[in-house]
């Protein structure tokens, strides 16, 4: 019997064929960045104040700027110790009956009421779904739902498409998810009201993450074992490329609906991969479809300009196992239970802190395009730091250090005064670097701490906490920031510190063979 890994030595561990497929699949990570954190631009909440239709004619006659209109119609309120114009109330005055001059009447004794004629927005001719649907003041919590419903889609979709990928193949699942992404993404762009927007956004999330994971699994299954970790890290790094492209697109595309269309178009183009990427021969072997597996493997060898020996005819699935995985296997024994709880918490923390730090850029009041670009640039060193440290130092210390650095940065940033802008930005960027590194490391550390027969289930189960974190993150950020702008950073820092401390309780996996049974986990010294 010959294993697929034996044949891969002859085919080429990372030949021309694998490089081509890898390059094509890396493209899939880029639009996902727009889906995942596009809320920073699509759901941007600009400066706003109550609209008063009766004031419009007077303002035009007096030649008032929007700031002067605001000064005449909106009371000042106390916010974090400073007096600022109210965003949700205005003076209850009948401007047509005041007979006012352009100097304005005395409003010190005028009653104050909530906005009843909508809002004015200081947004330079741009449009976000917040300005279109007036999701401010009492309805501001609905903005959180835009991100939460996406993560609900991620949660259900990654499990469902993960199952379909094991049942019907990596390639078919990848293509079907991209078809769903294309349809749901366009529906989001043409949603007539906010309820339908949330429904379509959930459908969008259903396909996006599952398709991304199917691509991840496919590329790691057709490269040699020595290349798996590198292609996995670089595949994720292209998400950071998408993070850099997003603010440039958002700067030039002024309407959130058109930005949505541009983010969705790549998913429609990915349907052409039907002709350019193969099915995973490993998966075909696991389904006893040996003839098709041999055909694809021979095509790979031909593209890599390699010749195969006759033993390819006896090729079998090297990962086939008679054991049936169940969720109880993840928590039944002490070490498995410890690994599951620690990894689940790290998935949760990575999602909350990563999304929270990015979405925070949209509420800081600076230039959101420049801030987003700068914070995106610091993600690139994360991939290189991982590749540089994991084979020299190991997994556990860099993983723990990344979380602890992220936590410390959050705490320090919270207490740096706004007047030290560049110092505050630099420390926040170090936090982004740390949590990006932790997020990328939890993926492959997870795969190394579970035995073969339960490895896929282990990663799927633990990573569902990532989506739970994504559902909670916008509520944590936007609701706590109303109390104190830096309060979310205190929460993020606490979570990251705890996650880093827990990682130190995990075993080191550098140079250790992948476990095959639960006994390998429970009794590693045997």
Foldseek 3Di string as FASTA:
>chain_A
DAAVLNQCVQLPQCFPQLVQLLVLLLVLLQLVLCLQQVCLQQVFAAQKAADDVQCVVVCVVLVHDPVVSQVQWFAWDAAPNDTDTDRFKTFPDNVVPPPDDSVHDDCPPTDMDTHDPAMDGPQVPFDHVCNVQVCDDVNVVLSLLLQLLLLLLLLQQQVVLLVCCLVPFLVVSLLVLLVQLLVLLLCLLVPPHSVSNSVSSNSNSNSSNNNSVSSLVQSLLSHHPVCNLVSLLSSNVSNLVSLQVSLVLSVPHRYSSVSSNVSSVVSVVCNVCVPRHDTRLLSCQLVVVLVSSLVVSVVSSVVSVGDGDPCSSVYHRPLDDPDADDPCLCCVDDLSNLLLVLLLLLLLLLLQLLSLLLSLLSVPPDDSSVLSNVLSVLQVVLSVVCVVCCQPPFQLVLLLVLLLLLLVLLVVLLPDDCVPVVVSSVSSSSNNNSSSNNNSSSQVVQQQQDASNCSSVSNSVSNSSNSVSSSCNVVLQPVVVSVPNSVSSNVSSVSSNVSSVSSNVHDTRRPPDRHHDVCCNVPVVD
